[in-house]
Protein backbone atom coordinates (compact mmCIF):
# COMPACT_ATOMS: atom_id res chain seq x y z
CA MET A 1 82.59 -48.86 -7.92
CA ALA A 2 82.72 -52.37 -6.47
CA HIS A 3 85.82 -53.32 -4.57
CA ASP A 4 86.43 -56.82 -5.95
CA ASN A 5 90.05 -56.95 -7.09
CA HIS A 6 91.75 -57.95 -3.84
CA VAL A 7 95.08 -59.62 -3.19
CA ILE A 8 94.14 -62.80 -1.31
CA ASP A 9 97.39 -64.24 0.03
CA GLY A 10 96.43 -65.40 3.53
CA ILE A 11 99.13 -63.18 5.05
CA ASN A 12 98.53 -60.93 8.05
CA LYS A 13 101.39 -58.46 7.87
CA GLU A 14 101.05 -57.45 11.53
CA ALA A 15 101.19 -61.08 12.66
CA TYR A 16 104.20 -61.91 10.50
CA LEU A 17 106.79 -60.56 12.92
CA TYR A 18 109.42 -63.10 11.83
CA PRO A 19 109.45 -66.33 9.81
CA GLY A 20 107.41 -68.98 11.58
CA CYS A 21 105.81 -66.53 14.02
CA THR A 22 102.49 -67.89 15.32
CA PHE A 23 99.40 -65.82 16.10
CA GLU A 24 99.83 -66.69 19.77
CA GLU A 25 103.40 -65.34 19.71
CA ALA A 26 102.27 -62.20 17.90
CA LYS A 27 99.52 -61.66 20.47
CA LYS A 28 102.02 -61.98 23.31
CA TYR A 29 104.28 -59.41 21.62
CA TYR A 30 101.53 -56.83 21.09
CA LEU A 31 100.22 -57.20 24.63
CA SER A 32 103.77 -56.63 25.92
CA LEU A 33 103.67 -53.19 24.25
CA THR A 34 100.71 -52.20 26.45
CA GLU A 35 102.50 -52.76 29.75
CA GLY A 36 102.31 -49.68 31.98
CA TRP A 37 99.41 -48.20 29.99
CA THR A 38 95.99 -47.55 31.48
CA PRO A 39 93.40 -46.84 28.76
CA TYR A 40 91.01 -43.95 29.42
CA ASN A 41 88.22 -45.79 27.61
CA PRO A 42 86.00 -48.28 29.46
CA ASP A 43 86.22 -51.96 28.58
CA PRO A 44 84.32 -52.96 25.40
CA VAL A 45 80.55 -53.34 25.80
CA LEU A 46 78.84 -56.26 24.02
CA ILE A 47 75.09 -56.28 23.38
CA GLU A 48 73.27 -59.04 21.54
CA HIS A 49 71.18 -57.97 18.54
CA GLU A 50 69.22 -60.59 16.56
CA GLY A 51 71.42 -63.35 17.92
CA VAL A 52 74.68 -61.53 17.05
CA ARG A 53 77.12 -60.31 19.70
CA VAL A 54 77.93 -56.70 18.83
CA VAL A 55 80.86 -54.71 20.17
CA ARG A 56 79.19 -51.35 20.71
CA ASP A 57 82.02 -48.88 20.28
CA ASP A 58 79.35 -46.42 19.19
CA LEU A 59 78.97 -45.94 22.96
CA ILE A 60 82.39 -44.25 22.95
CA VAL A 61 83.80 -41.91 20.29
CA GLY A 62 84.98 -44.96 18.37
CA THR A 63 87.35 -47.91 18.17
CA LYS A 64 90.17 -45.77 16.82
CA THR A 65 90.38 -44.08 20.22
CA ARG A 66 91.38 -47.48 21.60
CA ALA A 67 94.04 -47.70 18.89
CA GLY A 68 95.23 -44.11 19.16
CA ASP A 69 95.39 -43.86 22.94
CA LEU A 70 98.48 -46.05 23.29
CA LEU A 71 100.16 -44.09 20.47
CA ALA A 72 99.59 -40.80 22.25
CA PHE A 73 100.50 -42.23 25.65
CA LYS A 74 103.94 -43.34 24.40
CA SER A 75 104.68 -40.27 22.27
CA ASN A 76 106.75 -37.39 23.61
CA HIS A 77 105.55 -35.08 20.83
CA LYS A 78 103.09 -32.31 21.58
CA THR A 79 101.35 -32.48 18.19
CA ILE A 80 99.77 -35.41 16.35
CA VAL A 81 99.52 -35.23 12.54
CA TYR A 82 97.11 -37.31 10.44
CA SER A 83 95.51 -37.36 6.98
CA GLN A 84 91.74 -37.14 7.38
CA PRO A 85 89.65 -38.35 4.39
CA ARG A 86 86.21 -36.92 3.70
CA VAL A 87 84.66 -39.92 5.47
CA GLY A 88 86.06 -41.63 8.56
CA LEU A 89 86.18 -41.50 12.34
CA ALA A 90 89.96 -41.36 12.69
CA GLY A 91 90.04 -37.57 12.98
CA VAL A 92 87.45 -37.21 15.74
CA SER A 93 89.00 -40.22 17.48
CA ILE A 94 92.49 -38.70 17.45
CA LEU A 95 91.02 -35.45 18.78
CA ASP A 96 89.36 -37.32 21.64
CA VAL A 97 92.66 -39.01 22.45
CA ALA A 98 94.46 -35.66 22.25
CA ARG A 99 92.09 -34.11 24.80
CA HIS A 100 92.81 -36.92 27.25
CA ARG A 101 96.57 -36.95 26.61
CA ASN A 102 97.13 -33.17 26.38
CA LYS A 103 98.11 -33.09 22.71
CA GLU A 104 97.34 -30.86 19.74
CA VAL A 105 96.12 -32.16 16.38
CA VAL A 106 96.92 -31.12 12.80
CA LEU A 107 94.81 -32.80 10.13
CA PHE A 108 95.71 -32.77 6.45
CA MET A 109 92.54 -32.87 4.34
CA PRO A 110 91.87 -33.18 0.62
CA ALA A 111 90.93 -29.84 -0.92
CA CYS A 112 87.33 -29.63 -2.09
CA GLN A 113 84.48 -27.20 -2.74
CA THR A 114 82.88 -27.89 0.65
CA ILE A 115 84.15 -29.85 3.64
CA SER A 116 82.33 -33.04 4.64
CA LEU A 117 80.44 -33.65 7.88
CA HIS A 118 83.27 -35.70 9.35
CA GLN A 119 85.85 -33.04 8.46
CA ALA A 120 83.62 -30.27 9.82
CA CYS A 121 83.32 -32.13 13.13
CA CYS A 122 87.11 -32.42 13.33
CA ILE A 123 87.57 -28.68 12.79
CA GLU A 124 84.81 -27.81 15.25
CA GLN A 125 86.47 -30.00 17.87
CA GLY A 126 89.78 -28.17 17.60
CA ALA A 127 91.85 -29.66 14.80
CA LYS A 128 94.08 -27.37 12.75
CA PRO A 129 93.20 -28.20 9.11
CA ILE A 130 95.68 -28.03 6.25
CA PHE A 131 94.08 -28.52 2.82
CA LYS A 132 95.92 -29.95 -0.17
CA ARG A 133 94.60 -30.73 -3.63
CA ILE A 134 95.56 -34.33 -4.34
CA ALA A 135 94.97 -37.14 -6.82
CA ALA A 136 94.91 -39.84 -4.13
CA MET A 137 95.17 -40.21 -0.35
CA PRO A 138 98.78 -41.56 -0.40
CA ASN A 139 99.82 -38.15 -1.78
CA LEU A 140 98.16 -36.43 1.18
CA ASN A 141 99.86 -38.88 3.52
CA LYS A 142 103.21 -37.85 2.04
CA TYR A 143 102.50 -34.15 2.65
CA ALA A 144 101.44 -34.89 6.24
CA LYS A 145 104.55 -36.94 6.98
CA GLU A 146 106.87 -34.28 5.57
CA TRP A 147 105.12 -31.57 7.61
CA ALA A 148 105.39 -33.64 10.79
CA GLU A 149 109.12 -34.22 10.28
CA LYS A 150 109.74 -30.50 9.74
CA ASN A 151 107.64 -29.48 12.75
CA ASP A 152 108.80 -32.05 15.33
CA SER A 153 105.38 -33.71 15.42
CA PHE A 154 104.14 -37.28 15.61
CA PHE A 155 102.93 -38.54 12.24
CA VAL A 156 100.25 -41.24 12.34
CA PRO A 157 99.94 -43.27 9.10
CA LEU A 158 96.61 -43.53 7.28
CA GLY A 159 94.26 -45.92 9.05
CA LEU A 160 96.45 -45.75 12.17
CA ARG A 161 98.73 -48.42 10.68
CA HIS A 162 101.19 -48.53 13.55
CA GLU A 163 102.19 -51.36 15.87
CA LEU A 164 101.03 -49.42 18.93
CA ALA A 165 97.59 -48.97 17.37
CA THR A 166 97.46 -52.70 16.69
CA ALA A 167 98.50 -53.34 20.29
CA GLY A 168 95.70 -51.11 21.59
CA ILE A 169 93.08 -53.10 19.67
CA VAL A 170 94.58 -56.48 20.65
CA HIS A 171 94.44 -55.31 24.27
CA ALA A 172 90.73 -54.38 24.01
CA ALA A 173 89.78 -57.58 22.17
CA SER A 174 91.58 -59.70 24.73
CA MET A 175 88.96 -58.63 27.30
CA ILE A 176 86.22 -60.35 25.25
CA ASP A 177 85.36 -64.06 25.23
CA PRO A 178 86.63 -65.25 21.83
CA PRO A 179 83.92 -65.70 19.17
CA ASP A 180 83.73 -68.46 16.59
CA GLU A 181 83.04 -66.08 13.70
CA VAL A 182 83.76 -62.37 13.27
CA TYR A 183 82.35 -59.80 10.84
CA VAL A 184 84.00 -56.39 10.34
CA ALA A 185 84.11 -53.61 7.78
CA ILE A 186 87.55 -53.33 6.21
CA SER A 187 89.37 -50.42 4.59
CA THR A 188 93.05 -50.33 5.56
CA GLY A 189 92.44 -53.53 7.54
CA VAL A 190 94.08 -52.51 10.82
CA LEU A 191 91.09 -53.62 12.92
CA SER A 192 90.58 -56.93 11.14
CA ARG A 193 94.23 -57.94 11.34
CA ALA A 194 94.48 -56.95 15.01
CA LEU A 195 91.38 -58.97 15.88
CA GLN A 196 92.82 -61.96 14.01
CA ILE A 197 95.81 -61.76 16.34
CA ALA A 198 93.63 -61.42 19.44
CA TRP A 199 91.36 -64.33 18.42
CA PRO A 200 93.62 -66.78 16.54
CA ASN A 201 90.98 -69.52 16.29
CA ALA A 202 88.07 -67.43 14.99
CA LYS A 203 86.84 -67.40 11.39
CA PHE A 204 86.84 -63.90 9.87
CA HIS A 205 84.61 -62.22 7.28
CA SER A 206 85.78 -58.76 6.18
CA VAL A 207 83.47 -56.56 4.12
CA ALA A 208 85.52 -54.32 1.80
CA VAL A 209 83.70 -50.98 1.77
CA ALA A 210 86.35 -48.53 0.57
CA ARG A 211 89.16 -49.98 -1.52
CA ASN A 212 90.80 -53.09 -2.92
CA LEU A 213 92.96 -54.91 -0.40
CA LYS A 214 96.68 -55.25 -1.07
CA ALA A 215 99.23 -57.90 -0.13
CA GLY A 216 99.20 -58.80 3.56
CA GLU A 217 96.09 -56.75 4.35
CA LEU A 218 93.33 -59.38 4.45
CA GLY A 219 95.15 -61.89 6.60
CA ARG A 220 93.13 -65.07 6.91
CA ALA A 221 89.78 -63.31 6.46
CA GLU A 222 87.30 -64.18 3.74
CA VAL A 223 86.49 -61.00 1.86
CA ILE A 224 83.06 -59.74 0.82
CA SER A 225 83.12 -56.96 -1.77
CA GLU A 226 80.52 -54.27 -1.07
CA PRO A 227 79.16 -52.88 -4.37
CA LEU A 228 78.04 -49.51 -2.97
CA PRO A 229 80.59 -46.69 -3.45
CA PHE A 230 82.46 -45.76 -0.27
CA GLN A 231 80.76 -42.42 0.33
CA THR A 232 77.29 -43.78 -0.48
CA ASN A 233 75.20 -44.59 2.60
CA GLU A 234 73.59 -47.96 3.22
CA LYS A 235 69.91 -48.26 2.35
CA GLU A 236 67.49 -47.59 5.18
CA LYS A 237 66.02 -51.10 5.08
CA ASN A 238 69.46 -52.67 5.69
CA LEU A 239 70.56 -50.54 8.64
CA PRO A 240 71.44 -52.28 11.91
CA PRO A 241 69.30 -51.74 15.04
CA PHE A 242 72.00 -49.60 16.67
CA PRO A 243 73.94 -46.44 15.69
CA ALA A 244 76.61 -47.01 13.03
CA VAL A 245 78.38 -45.03 10.32
CA ARG A 246 76.10 -45.49 7.31
CA SER A 247 78.90 -45.41 4.75
CA TYR A 248 81.01 -47.90 6.73
CA ASP A 249 79.89 -50.38 9.41
CA ALA A 250 76.21 -50.15 8.50
CA LYS A 251 77.03 -51.89 5.20
CA VAL A 252 78.14 -55.04 7.03
CA TRP A 253 74.93 -55.85 8.90
CA LYS A 254 73.05 -57.28 5.90
CA TYR A 255 75.76 -59.90 5.35
CA ILE A 256 75.67 -61.34 8.90
CA PRO A 257 73.50 -64.44 9.51
CA LYS A 258 71.00 -63.69 12.28
CA ASN A 259 69.63 -65.88 15.10
CA THR A 260 71.68 -68.93 14.10
CA GLY A 261 72.65 -70.00 17.60
CA LYS A 262 76.31 -69.63 16.55
CA ASN A 263 78.84 -67.52 18.43
CA ILE A 264 79.02 -64.70 15.85
CA LEU A 265 80.49 -61.29 16.69
CA PHE A 266 80.26 -57.98 14.83
CA TRP A 267 82.61 -55.14 15.77
CA ASN A 268 80.86 -51.77 15.33
CA VAL A 269 83.57 -49.12 15.29
CA GLY A 270 81.40 -46.08 16.07
CA LYS A 271 78.56 -43.79 15.07
CA GLU A 272 78.16 -40.63 13.05
CA PRO A 273 79.75 -37.63 14.84
CA GLN A 274 77.48 -34.70 15.68
CA LEU A 275 78.14 -31.20 14.38
CA THR A 276 76.96 -28.33 16.60
CA ASP A 277 77.76 -25.29 14.44
CA GLU A 278 76.35 -25.69 10.90
CA THR A 279 77.84 -22.34 9.86
CA ILE A 280 81.31 -23.92 9.88
CA TYR A 281 80.75 -25.07 6.29
CA ASP A 282 80.69 -21.44 5.18
CA LYS A 283 83.59 -20.35 7.40
CA ILE A 284 86.17 -22.82 6.10
CA ASN A 285 87.90 -22.25 2.75
CA SER A 286 88.83 -25.77 1.62
CA ASN A 287 89.03 -25.10 -2.13
CA VAL A 288 92.82 -25.08 -2.58
CA ASP A 289 94.51 -25.15 -5.99
CA TRP A 290 97.03 -27.77 -7.15
CA GLU A 291 100.48 -27.41 -5.58
CA LYS A 292 102.18 -26.93 -8.97
CA ASN A 293 99.89 -24.00 -9.79
CA ILE A 294 100.49 -22.40 -6.39
CA ASN A 295 104.27 -22.76 -6.82
CA ALA A 296 104.08 -21.32 -10.33
CA ARG A 297 102.21 -18.25 -9.08
CA VAL A 298 104.77 -17.78 -6.29
CA VAL A 299 107.65 -17.90 -8.79
CA SER A 300 105.82 -15.52 -11.15
CA HIS A 301 105.12 -13.08 -8.34
CA THR A 302 108.76 -13.20 -7.19
CA LEU A 303 110.11 -12.55 -10.69
CA HIS A 304 107.64 -9.72 -11.20
CA SER A 305 108.72 -8.15 -7.91
CA TYR A 306 112.32 -7.93 -9.10
CA SER A 307 111.52 -6.72 -12.62
């Protein structure tokens, strides 16, 4: 399904800290949140490909480690809780952060017949999975938040939508000479909006690969609606000349003008994670029934026990 029903309001909800707030003021605020923090990741690496400056975060676990590191650094909780979709690098990124910051990770995942590659990699790398049958990801987010509150854990919203995550990205982008134009894949929009704050004078093009954008999510970016379904990989002929997630960043490359002489930047958030143990697909029972059916069986069993 094409994602072409976006709310285009010109508002960047992370930059709108108060009425009249400028991007420069927002940038100063987010950078102030990073004081006293030393990232474990190296500075961003830029390599030119076909005349395009590319941020190669495929050389680390992924950009979300830059976002999640500050969150973990400032949290006093031992456990981080997140909702991991079937596709996405957030889970493996949070696990990488957790290893560096001595944390544990609980990942809520949508119930299904068989786990996905990205979910399998998360489990292999040490995440505790909790499967829930859901109609949509916001429902899973609700379960994860409730569990975190009951278990004294740090809940991270879907897409790492948190001001400390934004601050981590603004911090990384501030190490790069500002581009004139920027291309990024967009889902929740955290990366795009953070980069808009870091580079207030750049023109942005965001390629919607997963969902329709809501109020305040696009910011000042021009949106390109990718017709391929989210979990469908980009065609081989359109792939970029560097590692990228085929269902995500790889879909952006075909839209970027090449060898124009312009100062164009593409932010590549990562690469496909590698699974070592293929037998994990058979070891994990992810096929969980609907919550209402589980509760009904519990009630029935309890009544039967007292009959």
